[in-house]
Protein backbone atom coordinates (compact mmCIF):
# COMPACT_ATOMS: atom_id res chain seq x y z
CA MET A 1 -0.97 2.37 -8.81
CA ASP A 2 -2.43 -0.39 -10.93
CA LYS A 3 -3.65 -3.76 -9.72
CA LYS A 4 -0.88 -5.67 -11.50
CA ARG A 5 1.77 -3.75 -9.55
CA VAL A 6 -0.13 -4.28 -6.28
CA ARG A 7 -0.03 -8.03 -6.91
CA GLU A 8 3.70 -7.91 -7.74
CA ILE A 9 4.46 -6.06 -4.51
CA MET A 10 2.25 -8.28 -2.37
CA ASP A 11 3.67 -11.47 -3.92
CA SER A 12 7.22 -10.29 -3.31
CA HIS A 13 9.20 -11.77 -0.43
CA ASP A 14 10.53 -8.28 0.31
CA LEU A 15 8.84 -5.65 2.45
CA ILE A 16 8.07 -2.92 -0.08
CA PRO A 17 6.55 0.23 1.38
CA VAL A 18 4.34 2.44 -0.77
CA ASN A 19 3.07 5.96 -0.29
CA TYR A 20 -0.38 6.95 0.96
CA ASN A 21 -0.96 10.67 1.64
CA GLY A 22 2.73 11.20 2.36
CA ARG A 23 2.96 8.22 4.72
CA SER A 24 4.89 5.03 4.16
CA VAL A 25 2.57 2.04 4.38
CA VAL A 26 2.73 -1.65 3.58
CA MET A 27 -0.10 -3.41 1.82
CA ASN A 28 -1.69 -6.24 3.76
CA GLN A 29 -4.63 -7.31 1.60
CA TYR A 30 -6.13 -6.36 -1.77
CA ASP A 31 -9.77 -6.78 -2.80
CA GLU A 32 -9.87 -6.91 -6.61
CA HIS A 33 -13.64 -6.41 -6.73
CA SER A 34 -13.79 -3.22 -4.68
CA HIS A 35 -10.24 -2.04 -5.56
CA MET A 36 -9.62 -1.45 -1.85
CA VAL A 37 -6.30 -2.20 -0.18
CA LYS A 38 -5.79 -2.79 3.53
CA VAL A 39 -2.62 -1.00 4.58
CA ILE A 40 -0.51 -0.71 7.72
CA PRO A 41 1.38 2.54 8.31
CA LEU A 42 5.04 2.02 9.15
CA ASP A 43 4.85 4.72 11.82
CA ASN A 44 2.00 2.89 13.62
CA LEU A 45 2.16 -0.87 13.12
CA ASN A 46 -0.87 -1.38 15.38
CA SER A 47 -3.10 0.43 12.90
CA GLU A 48 -4.71 -0.96 9.76
CA PHE A 49 -7.14 0.76 7.43
CA SER A 50 -8.52 0.47 3.90
CA VAL A 51 -7.77 2.85 1.05
CA GLU A 52 -8.66 2.94 -2.62
CA LEU A 53 -6.04 1.49 -4.92
CA SER A 54 -5.82 4.79 -6.81
CA GLN A 55 -4.61 6.55 -3.63
CA LEU A 56 -1.38 4.53 -3.47
CA ASN A 57 1.85 5.22 -5.33
CA GLU A 58 5.51 4.33 -5.22
CA SER A 59 6.95 7.84 -5.40
CA PHE A 60 8.21 9.38 -2.17
CA ASN A 61 9.16 12.92 -1.29
CA LYS A 62 12.76 13.08 -0.14
CA LYS A 63 13.33 15.31 2.89
């Protein structure tokens, strides 16, 4: 995912989940200098962790 799209998603008033390692997450904060994004997994809303921007995408596997 590119930084422009991250900004679009984060500036949106909608909750837009993205994919990280097969998990649906929402982005909470983006650091443009380090290209790290703080994410919250939708299956564990009490958890937050940082991932590299390049590890996020908008494509999901349908089951």
